Amino acid sequence: MNTPHDVIERRIDTSQTKYLLGELGIQTLALINEGCSSDDELKFLSTISQSCLDVKIPLLSTLGLIERSESGYVVVERGKNFLSEVRGWQA
């Protein structure tokens, strides 16, 4: 059975994901990948506002790039692959 993330994964490629996220969304994903696990940490280490996070975090989750765990936000394999493609480095 297909999950919503399976359907999204088949329909949205890297360039479309990059367009949907914008530079702040990609920056947010990269910060989470580097260890930021909460809104407070993301705001402290960047210029991202809470209102932007209120939009970007659900979008990252819906696109299947991050998940919320007990310890906070975590980049999943799809998110790491996306970062590798757009940033040109191993995530």
Protein backbone atom coordinates (compact mmCIF):
# COMPACT_ATOMS: atom_id res chain seq x y z
CA MET A 1 0.00 0.00 0.00
CA ASN A 2 1.29 3.46 -0.88
CA THR A 3 1.85 6.01 1.88
CA PRO A 4 1.44 9.74 1.17
CA HIS A 5 5.24 10.06 1.15
CA ASP A 6 5.52 7.32 -1.53
CA VAL A 7 3.11 9.22 -3.75
CA ILE A 8 4.91 12.54 -3.19
CA GLU A 9 8.30 10.91 -3.82
CA ARG A 10 7.20 9.70 -7.23
CA ARG A 11 5.66 13.03 -8.25
CA ILE A 12 8.23 15.55 -7.07
CA ASP A 13 11.82 15.60 -8.30
CA THR A 14 14.78 17.48 -6.89
CA SER A 15 14.29 20.67 -8.89
CA GLN A 16 10.62 20.86 -7.90
CA THR A 17 11.47 20.23 -4.26
CA LYS A 18 14.13 22.94 -4.40
CA TYR A 19 11.58 25.35 -5.85
CA LEU A 20 8.97 24.48 -3.21
CA LEU A 21 11.38 24.85 -0.29
CA GLY A 22 13.24 27.95 -1.41
CA GLU A 23 16.61 28.87 0.04
CA LEU A 24 15.30 29.21 3.61
CA GLY A 25 13.71 25.77 3.46
CA ILE A 26 16.95 24.24 2.23
CA GLN A 27 18.87 26.14 4.92
CA THR A 28 16.44 24.82 7.54
CA LEU A 29 16.89 21.25 6.31
CA ALA A 30 20.68 21.64 6.35
CA LEU A 31 20.62 23.00 9.92
CA ILE A 32 18.49 20.08 11.07
CA ASN A 33 20.92 17.73 9.36
CA GLU A 34 23.77 19.42 11.25
CA GLY A 35 22.08 18.76 14.59
CA CYS A 36 19.49 21.46 15.24
CA SER A 37 16.49 19.59 16.59
CA SER A 38 14.12 22.30 17.81
CA ASP A 39 12.66 25.60 16.71
CA ASP A 40 14.69 27.42 19.37
CA GLU A 41 17.97 25.96 18.11
CA LEU A 42 17.09 26.78 14.50
CA LYS A 43 16.24 30.39 15.37
CA PHE A 44 19.36 30.79 17.53
CA LEU A 45 21.76 29.55 14.83
CA SER A 46 20.17 31.29 11.84
CA THR A 47 18.07 34.24 10.73
CA ILE A 48 14.96 32.08 10.34
CA SER A 49 11.89 33.49 12.11
CA GLN A 50 9.25 31.47 13.93
CA SER A 51 6.67 32.38 11.30
CA CYS A 52 8.95 30.97 8.60
CA LEU A 53 9.50 27.78 10.64
CA ASP A 54 5.73 27.46 11.06
CA VAL A 55 5.57 27.06 7.27
CA LYS A 56 8.85 25.30 6.44
CA ILE A 57 8.77 22.54 9.10
CA PRO A 58 5.37 21.14 8.04
CA LEU A 59 6.45 21.41 4.37
CA LEU A 60 9.70 19.51 5.05
CA SER A 61 7.68 16.86 6.86
CA THR A 62 5.02 16.61 4.15
CA LEU A 63 7.70 16.20 1.49
CA GLY A 64 9.17 13.33 3.51
CA LEU A 65 12.49 15.06 4.19
CA ILE A 66 12.27 15.19 8.01
CA GLU A 67 10.45 13.47 10.83
CA ARG A 68 9.70 14.53 14.37
CA SER A 69 11.12 12.22 17.04
CA GLU A 70 11.22 12.37 20.83
CA SER A 71 14.51 14.23 20.59
CA GLY A 72 13.25 16.70 17.98
CA TYR A 73 13.56 17.03 14.21
CA VAL A 74 15.52 14.40 12.28
CA VAL A 75 16.48 14.37 8.59
CA VAL A 76 15.48 11.07 6.98
CA GLU A 77 17.26 9.33 4.11
CA ARG A 78 15.24 11.16 1.44
CA GLY A 79 16.23 14.48 3.02
CA LYS A 80 19.90 13.51 3.11
CA ASN A 81 19.75 12.46 -0.53
CA PHE A 82 18.10 15.77 -1.44
CA LEU A 83 20.81 17.76 0.38
CA SER A 84 23.51 15.77 -1.38
CA GLU A 85 21.98 16.59 -4.75
CA VAL A 86 21.40 20.32 -4.19
CA ARG A 87 24.44 21.12 -2.07
CA GLY A 88 26.89 18.74 -3.68
CA TRP A 89 28.08 17.24 -0.39
CA GLN A 90 27.39 14.16 1.65
CA ALA A 91 24.63 14.70 4.18
